[in-house]
Structure formats: structure tokens, C-alpha cells
Amino acid sequence: MALNVKATVEGRKVLCPICSSDVFLTKEFLVTSTWMQALDFEFFGREGIMLICKKCSHIQQFANKGAVSVEE
């Protein structure tokens, strides 16, 4: 988990839609589907990234980790 980061997607600054803060915590997660979970194939899922607002704790999830650029 990275602390106090700022993020961009396709060159646009990411802001919290609730409080307009631009400071986030990050956490990686695994994007899976129901059938992957049922067959125990979760390891075939791809990595996503969560941006957790430092101010209000609102969570934004991005299924494609590579689409989000993060800088500390």
C-alpha cells in the first residue's frame, strides 16, 4: 500500500468525486469473475488498483492497473 500519492489517468488528474481531494492511498486487488471463483481459477484474474481518498475514504477502483499513473 502506497501512502499519500497523486494519480492520473490518460494525463488527467484524478480527484475524489465526493470531496475533490487529490491525495490517495493505493491498494492492488485481483479482478476475477464468478466462474473463476467457482472453479478456483482466481489466479487467472488481472490486477486492478484502488485509490482510497485520504480525506474522506471514498474508494475508486480501476480494473486496469496499467491505466493509472501514480506518483508520490
PDB file of N, CA and C in Angstrom:
ATOM      1  N   MET A   1       0.851  -1.174   0.000  1.00  0.00           N
ATOM      2  CA  MET A   1       0.000   0.000   0.000  1.00  0.00           C
ATOM      3  C   MET A   1       0.895   1.235   0.000  1.00  0.00           C
ATOM      4  N   ALA A   2       0.667   2.104  -0.970  1.00  0.00           N
ATOM      5  CA  ALA A   2       1.404   3.364  -1.038  1.00  0.00           C
ATOM      6  C   ALA A   2       0.575   4.450  -0.362  1.00  0.00           C
ATOM      7  N   LEU A   3       1.258   5.326   0.333  1.00  0.00           N
ATOM      8  CA  LEU A   3       0.591   6.400   1.079  1.00  0.00           C
ATOM      9  C   LEU A   3       0.804   7.743   0.398  1.00  0.00           C
ATOM     10  N   ASN A   4      -0.190   8.609   0.497  1.00  0.00           N
ATOM     11  CA  ASN A   4      -0.099   9.992   0.033  1.00  0.00           C
ATOM     12  C   ASN A   4       0.392  10.118  -1.409  1.00  0.00           C
ATOM     13  N   VAL A   5      -0.359   9.513  -2.327  1.00  0.00           N
ATOM     14  CA  VAL A   5       0.006   9.581  -3.740  1.00  0.00           C
ATOM     15  C   VAL A   5      -1.002  10.435  -4.507  1.00  0.00           C
ATOM     16  N   LYS A   6      -0.572  10.896  -5.661  1.00  0.00           N
ATOM     17  CA  LYS A   6      -1.447  11.592  -6.597  1.00  0.00           C
ATOM     18  C   LYS A   6      -1.496  10.720  -7.848  1.00  0.00           C
ATOM     19  N   ALA A   7      -2.634  10.700  -8.515  1.00  0.00           N
ATOM     20  CA  ALA A   7      -2.810   9.797  -9.641  1.00  0.00           C
ATOM     21  C   ALA A   7      -3.339  10.528 -10.868  1.00  0.00           C
ATOM     22  N   THR A   8      -3.002   9.975 -12.032  1.00  0.00           N
ATOM     23  CA  THR A   8      -3.545  10.467 -13.293  1.00  0.00           C
ATOM     24  C   THR A   8      -3.993   9.271 -14.126  1.00  0.00           C
ATOM     25  N   VAL A   9      -4.989   9.500 -14.965  1.00  0.00           N
ATOM     26  CA  VAL A   9      -5.458   8.515 -15.935  1.00  0.00           C
ATOM     27  C   VAL A   9      -5.501   9.214 -17.280  1.00  0.00           C
ATOM     28  N   GLU A  10      -4.734   8.698 -18.229  1.00  0.00           N
ATOM     29  CA  GLU A  10      -4.615   9.296 -19.566  1.00  0.00           C
ATOM     30  C   GLU A  10      -4.291  10.784 -19.490  1.00  0.00           C
ATOM     31  N   GLY A  11      -3.406  11.143 -18.586  1.00  0.00           N
ATOM     32  CA  GLY A  11      -2.956  12.523 -18.451  1.00  0.00           C
ATOM     33  C   GLY A  11      -3.874  13.435 -17.660  1.00  0.00           C
ATOM     34  N   ARG A  12      -5.012  12.921 -17.225  1.00  0.00           N
ATOM     35  CA  ARG A  12      -5.959  13.744 -16.449  1.00  0.00           C
ATOM     36  C   ARG A  12      -5.817  13.414 -14.972  1.00  0.00           C
ATOM     37  N   LYS A  13      -5.763  14.457 -14.165  1.00  0.00           N
ATOM     38  CA  LYS A  13      -5.627  14.322 -12.716  1.00  0.00           C
ATOM     39  C   LYS A  13      -6.871  13.656 -12.122  1.00  0.00           C
ATOM     40  N   VAL A  14      -6.668  12.674 -11.246  1.00  0.00           N
ATOM     41  CA  VAL A  14      -7.785  12.006 -10.577  1.00  0.00           C
ATOM     42  C   VAL A  14      -8.122  12.769  -9.303  1.00  0.00           C
ATOM     43  N   LEU A  15      -9.395  13.108  -9.161  1.00  0.00           N
ATOM     44  CA  LEU A  15      -9.899  13.772  -7.961  1.00  0.00           C
ATOM     45  C   LEU A  15     -10.981  12.897  -7.340  1.00  0.00           C
ATOM     46  N   CYS A  16     -11.132  12.998  -6.043  1.00  0.00           N
ATOM     47  CA  CYS A  16     -12.207  12.298  -5.355  1.00  0.00           C
ATOM     48  C   CYS A  16     -13.534  12.929  -5.775  1.00  0.00           C
ATOM     49  N   PRO A  17     -14.519  12.127  -6.195  1.00  0.00           N
ATOM     50  CA  PRO A  17     -15.802  12.704  -6.603  1.00  0.00           C
ATOM     51  C   PRO A  17     -16.641  13.206  -5.425  1.00  0.00           C
ATOM     52  N   ILE A  18     -16.271  12.872  -4.218  1.00  0.00           N
ATOM     53  CA  ILE A  18     -17.016  13.292  -3.041  1.00  0.00           C
ATOM     54  C   ILE A  18     -16.482  14.605  -2.473  1.00  0.00           C
ATOM     55  N   CYS A  19     -15.161  14.664  -2.208  1.00  0.00           N
ATOM     56  CA  CYS A  19     -14.601  15.838  -1.533  1.00  0.00           C
ATOM     57  C   CYS A  19     -13.591  16.621  -2.384  1.00  0.00           C
ATOM     58  N   SER A  20     -13.321  16.168  -3.602  1.00  0.00           N
ATOM     59  CA  SER A  20     -12.390  16.816  -4.549  1.00  0.00           C
ATOM     60  C   SER A  20     -10.927  16.778  -4.124  1.00  0.00           C
ATOM     61  N   SER A  21     -10.574  15.958  -3.167  1.00  0.00           N
ATOM     62  CA  SER A  21      -9.173  15.809  -2.768  1.00  0.00           C
ATOM     63  C   SER A  21      -8.410  15.092  -3.878  1.00  0.00           C
ATOM     64  N   ASP A  22      -7.099  15.337  -3.948  1.00  0.00           N
ATOM     65  CA  ASP A  22      -6.276  14.650  -4.939  1.00  0.00           C
ATOM     66  C   ASP A  22      -5.189  13.788  -4.289  1.00  0.00           C
ATOM     67  N   VAL A  23      -5.330  13.507  -3.002  1.00  0.00           N
ATOM     68  CA  VAL A  23      -4.357  12.688  -2.269  1.00  0.00           C
ATOM     69  C   VAL A  23      -5.014  11.356  -1.906  1.00  0.00           C
ATOM     70  N   PHE A  24      -4.337  10.249  -2.270  1.00  0.00           N
ATOM     71  CA  PHE A  24      -4.908   8.921  -2.107  1.00  0.00           C
ATOM     72  C   PHE A  24      -3.938   7.953  -1.458  1.00  0.00           C
ATOM     73  N   LEU A  25      -4.497   6.880  -0.926  1.00  0.00           N
ATOM     74  CA  LEU A  25      -3.763   5.670  -0.590  1.00  0.00           C
ATOM     75  C   LEU A  25      -4.037   4.715  -1.751  1.00  0.00           C
ATOM     76  N   THR A  26      -3.132   3.792  -2.037  1.00  0.00           N
ATOM     77  CA  THR A  26      -3.388   2.828  -3.102  1.00  0.00           C
ATOM     78  C   THR A  26      -3.339   1.413  -2.561  1.00  0.00           C
ATOM     79  N   LYS A  27      -4.099   0.539  -3.188  1.00  0.00           N
ATOM     80  CA  LYS A  27      -4.106  -0.875  -2.835  1.00  0.00           C
ATOM     81  C   LYS A  27      -4.395  -1.654  -4.109  1.00  0.00           C
ATOM     82  N   GLU A  28      -3.619  -2.690  -4.367  1.00  0.00           N
ATOM     83  CA  GLU A  28      -3.855  -3.537  -5.523  1.00  0.00           C
ATOM     84  C   GLU A  28      -4.875  -4.611  -5.159  1.00  0.00           C
ATOM     85  N   PHE A  29      -5.646  -5.036  -6.160  1.00  0.00           N
ATOM     86  CA  PHE A  29      -6.604  -6.115  -5.951  1.00  0.00           C
ATOM     87  C   PHE A  29      -6.675  -6.966  -7.205  1.00  0.00           C
ATOM     88  N   LEU A  30      -7.267  -8.142  -7.076  1.00  0.00           N
ATOM     89  CA  LEU A  30      -7.379  -9.075  -8.189  1.00  0.00           C
ATOM     90  C   LEU A  30      -8.790  -9.013  -8.759  1.00  0.00           C
ATOM     91  N   VAL A  31      -8.893  -8.753 -10.052  1.00  0.00           N
ATOM     92  CA  VAL A  31     -10.183  -8.687 -10.731  1.00  0.00           C
ATOM     93  C   VAL A  31     -10.508 -10.098 -11.231  1.00  0.00           C
ATOM     94  N   THR A  32     -11.565 -10.681 -10.681  1.00  0.00           N
ATOM     95  CA  THR A  32     -11.970 -12.030 -11.089  1.00  0.00           C
ATOM     96  C   THR A  32     -13.461 -12.034 -11.417  1.00  0.00           C
ATOM     97  N   SER A  33     -13.904 -13.136 -11.971  1.00  0.00           N
ATOM     98  CA  SER A  33     -15.333 -13.283 -12.257  1.00  0.00           C
ATOM     99  C   SER A  33     -15.897 -14.417 -11.410  1.00  0.00           C
ATOM    100  N   THR A  34     -17.204 -14.546 -11.413  1.00  0.00           N
ATOM    101  CA  THR A  34     -17.871 -15.569 -10.617  1.00  0.00           C
ATOM    102  C   THR A  34     -17.433 -16.968 -11.027  1.00  0.00           C
ATOM    103  N   TRP A  35     -17.306 -17.209 -12.331  1.00  0.00           N
ATOM    104  CA  TRP A  35     -16.918 -18.552 -12.759  1.00  0.00           C
ATOM    105  C   TRP A  35     -15.480 -18.863 -12.353  1.00  0.00           C
ATOM    106  N   MET A  36     -14.606 -17.854 -12.345  1.00  0.00           N
ATOM    107  CA  MET A  36     -13.229 -18.077 -11.886  1.00  0.00           C
ATOM    108  C   MET A  36     -13.213 -18.482 -10.418  1.00  0.00           C
ATOM    109  N   GLN A  37     -14.050 -17.828  -9.623  1.00  0.00           N
ATOM    110  CA  GLN A  37     -14.125 -18.155  -8.204  1.00  0.00           C
ATOM    111  C   GLN A  37     -14.715 -19.542  -7.997  1.00  0.00           C
ATOM    112  N   ALA A  38     -15.763 -19.891  -8.758  1.00  0.00           N
ATOM    113  CA  ALA A  38     -16.416 -21.192  -8.619  1.00  0.00           C
ATOM    114  C   ALA A  38     -15.475 -22.339  -8.982  1.00  0.00           C
ATOM    115  N   LEU A  39     -14.634 -22.126  -9.987  1.00  0.00           N
ATOM    116  CA  LEU A  39     -13.703 -23.171 -10.428  1.00  0.00           C
ATOM    117  C   LEU A  39     -12.332 -23.064  -9.770  1.00  0.00           C
ATOM    118  N   ASP A  40     -12.187 -22.134  -8.839  1.00  0.00           N
ATOM    119  CA  ASP A  40     -10.933 -21.905  -8.130  1.00  0.00           C
ATOM    120  C   ASP A  40      -9.792 -21.503  -9.078  1.00  0.00           C
ATOM    121  N   PHE A  41     -10.123 -20.697 -10.103  1.00  0.00           N
ATOM    122  CA  PHE A  41      -9.142 -20.191 -11.061  1.00  0.00           C
ATOM    123  C   PHE A  41      -8.883 -18.705 -10.868  1.00  0.00           C
ATOM    124  N   GLU A  42      -8.988 -18.231  -9.655  1.00  0.00           N
ATOM    125  CA  GLU A  42      -8.830 -16.801  -9.394  1.00  0.00           C
ATOM    126  C   GLU A  42      -7.470 -16.260  -9.805  1.00  0.00           C
ATOM    127  N   PHE A  43      -6.464 -17.136  -9.852  1.00  0.00           N
ATOM    128  CA  PHE A  43      -5.119 -16.688 -10.208  1.00  0.00           C
ATOM    129  C   PHE A  43      -5.028 -16.249 -11.668  1.00  0.00           C
ATOM    130  N   PHE A  44      -6.066 -16.528 -12.488  1.00  0.00           N
ATOM    131  CA  PHE A  44      -6.096 -16.067 -13.872  1.00  0.00           C
ATOM    132  C   PHE A  44      -6.629 -14.636 -13.996  1.00  0.00           C
ATOM    133  N   GLY A  45      -7.100 -14.073 -12.915  1.00  0.00           N
ATOM    134  CA  GLY A  45      -7.615 -12.707 -12.937  1.00  0.00           C
ATOM    135  C   GLY A  45      -6.498 -11.707 -13.190  1.00  0.00           C
ATOM    136  N   ARG A  46      -6.866 -10.491 -13.533  1.00  0.00           N
ATOM    137  CA  ARG A  46      -5.846  -9.462 -13.753  1.00  0.00           C
ATOM    138  C   ARG A  46      -5.814  -8.524 -12.547  1.00  0.00           C
ATOM    139  N   GLU A  47      -4.727  -7.791 -12.427  1.00  0.00           N
ATOM    140  CA  GLU A  47      -4.570  -6.885 -11.286  1.00  0.00           C
ATOM    141  C   GLU A  47      -5.237  -5.545 -11.561  1.00  0.00           C
ATOM    142  N   GLY A  48      -5.941  -5.054 -10.557  1.00  0.00           N
ATOM    143  CA  GLY A  48      -6.531  -3.730 -10.598  1.00  0.00           C
ATOM    144  C   GLY A  48      -5.921  -2.891  -9.483  1.00  0.00           C
ATOM    145  N   ILE A  49      -6.345  -1.652  -9.396  1.00  0.00           N
ATOM    146  CA  ILE A  49      -5.819  -0.761  -8.355  1.00  0.00           C
ATOM    147  C   ILE A  49      -6.973   0.042  -7.751  1.00  0.00           C
ATOM    148  N   MET A  50      -6.926   0.201  -6.445  1.00  0.00           N
ATOM    149  CA  MET A  50      -7.895   1.029  -5.737  1.00  0.00           C
ATOM    150  C   MET A  50      -7.213   2.314  -5.320  1.00  0.00           C
ATOM    151  N   LEU A  51      -7.912   3.426  -5.473  1.00  0.00           N
ATOM    152  CA  LEU A  51      -7.464   4.712  -4.947  1.00  0.00           C
ATOM    153  C   LEU A  51      -8.403   5.057  -3.804  1.00  0.00           C
ATOM    154  N   ILE A  52      -7.868   5.155  -2.615  1.00  0.00           N
ATOM    155  CA  ILE A  52      -8.653   5.425  -1.413  1.00  0.00           C
ATOM    156  C   ILE A  52      -8.363   6.855  -0.986  1.00  0.00           C
ATOM    157  N   CYS A  53      -9.390   7.702  -0.996  1.00  0.00           N
ATOM    158  CA  CYS A  53      -9.221   9.114  -0.674  1.00  0.00           C
ATOM    159  C   CYS A  53      -8.688   9.264   0.746  1.00  0.00           C
ATOM    160  N   LYS A  54      -7.627  10.009   0.884  1.00  0.00           N
ATOM    161  CA  LYS A  54      -7.007  10.236   2.192  1.00  0.00           C
ATOM    162  C   LYS A  54      -7.912  11.065   3.103  1.00  0.00           C
ATOM    163  N   LYS A  55      -8.745  11.920   2.514  1.00  0.00           N
ATOM    164  CA  LYS A  55      -9.577  12.830   3.299  1.00  0.00           C
ATOM    165  C   LYS A  55     -10.901  12.197   3.741  1.00  0.00           C
ATOM    166  N   CYS A  56     -11.639  11.569   2.806  1.00  0.00           N
ATOM    167  CA  CYS A  56     -12.979  11.063   3.147  1.00  0.00           C
ATOM    168  C   CYS A  56     -13.124   9.543   3.038  1.00  0.00           C
ATOM    169  N   SER A  57     -12.087   8.857   2.601  1.00  0.00           N
ATOM    170  CA  SER A  57     -12.051   7.382   2.488  1.00  0.00           C
ATOM    171  C   SER A  57     -12.907   6.807   1.364  1.00  0.00           C
ATOM    172  N   HIS A  58     -13.365   7.634   0.436  1.00  0.00           N
ATOM    173  CA  HIS A  58     -14.091   7.113  -0.723  1.00  0.00           C
ATOM    174  C   HIS A  58     -13.133   6.267  -1.565  1.00  0.00           C
ATOM    175  N   ILE A  59     -13.614   5.130  -2.077  1.00  0.00           N
ATOM    176  CA  ILE A  59     -12.779   4.220  -2.852  1.00  0.00           C
ATOM    177  C   ILE A  59     -13.168   4.263  -4.322  1.00  0.00           C
ATOM    178  N   GLN A  60     -12.157   4.448  -5.177  1.00  0.00           N
ATOM    179  CA  GLN A  60     -12.341   4.354  -6.628  1.00  0.00           C
ATOM    180  C   GLN A  60     -11.544   3.146  -7.098  1.00  0.00           C
ATOM    181  N   GLN A  61     -12.163   2.280  -7.877  1.00  0.00           N
ATOM    182  CA  GLN A  61     -11.489   1.080  -8.361  1.00  0.00           C
ATOM    183  C   GLN A  61     -11.255   1.181  -9.865  1.00  0.00           C
ATOM    184  N   PHE A  62     -10.071   0.766 -10.295  1.00  0.00           N
ATOM    185  CA  PHE A  62      -9.712   0.727 -11.703  1.00  0.00           C
ATOM    186  C   PHE A  62      -9.306  -0.705 -12.031  1.00  0.00           C
ATOM    187  N   ALA A  63     -10.021  -1.326 -12.956  1.00  0.00           N
ATOM    188  CA  ALA A  63      -9.782  -2.726 -13.294  1.00  0.00           C
ATOM    189  C   ALA A  63      -8.460  -2.928 -14.031  1.00  0.00           C
ATOM    190  N   ASN A  64      -7.972  -1.902 -14.708  1.00  0.00           N
ATOM    191  CA  ASN A  64      -6.704  -1.992 -15.430  1.00  0.00           C
ATOM    192  C   ASN A  64      -5.653  -1.186 -14.678  1.00  0.00           C
ATOM    193  N   LYS A  65      -4.825  -1.883 -13.939  1.00  0.00           N
ATOM    194  CA  LYS A  65      -3.794  -1.220 -13.126  1.00  0.00           C
ATOM    195  C   LYS A  65      -2.874  -0.347 -13.984  1.00  0.00           C
ATOM    196  N   GLY A  66      -2.601  -0.770 -15.208  1.00  0.00           N
ATOM    197  CA  GLY A  66      -1.699  -0.035 -16.087  1.00  0.00           C
ATOM    198  C   GLY A  66      -2.247   1.296 -16.574  1.00  0.00           C
ATOM    199  N   ALA A  67      -3.551   1.512 -16.463  1.00  0.00           N
ATOM    200  CA  ALA A  67      -4.161   2.755 -16.931  1.00  0.00           C
ATOM    201  C   ALA A  67      -3.962   3.911 -15.958  1.00  0.00           C
ATOM    202  N   VAL A  68      -3.583   3.591 -14.730  1.00  0.00           N
ATOM    203  CA  VAL A  68      -3.438   4.618 -13.688  1.00  0.00           C
ATOM    204  C   VAL A  68      -1.961   4.873 -13.431  1.00  0.00           C
ATOM    205  N   SER A  69      -1.548   6.131 -13.558  1.00  0.00           N
ATOM    206  CA  SER A  69      -0.167   6.526 -13.229  1.00  0.00           C
ATOM    207  C   SER A  69      -0.190   7.137 -11.824  1.00  0.00           C
ATOM    208  N   VAL A  70       0.695   6.630 -10.969  1.00  0.00           N
ATOM    209  CA  VAL A  70       0.732   7.063  -9.575  1.00  0.00           C
ATOM    210  C   VAL A  70       2.098   7.682  -9.271  1.00  0.00           C
ATOM    211  N   GLU A  71       2.088   8.835  -8.592  1.00  0.00           N
ATOM    212  CA  GLU A  71       3.349   9.462  -8.166  1.00  0.00           C
ATOM    213  C   GLU A  71       3.235   9.859  -6.703  1.00  0.00           C
ATOM    214  N   GLU A  72       4.313   9.674  -5.998  1.00  0.00           N
ATOM    215  CA  GLU A  72       4.321  10.007  -4.558  1.00  0.00           C
ATOM    216  C   GLU A  72       4.716  11.441  -4.331  1.00  0.00           C
TER     217      GLU A  72
END
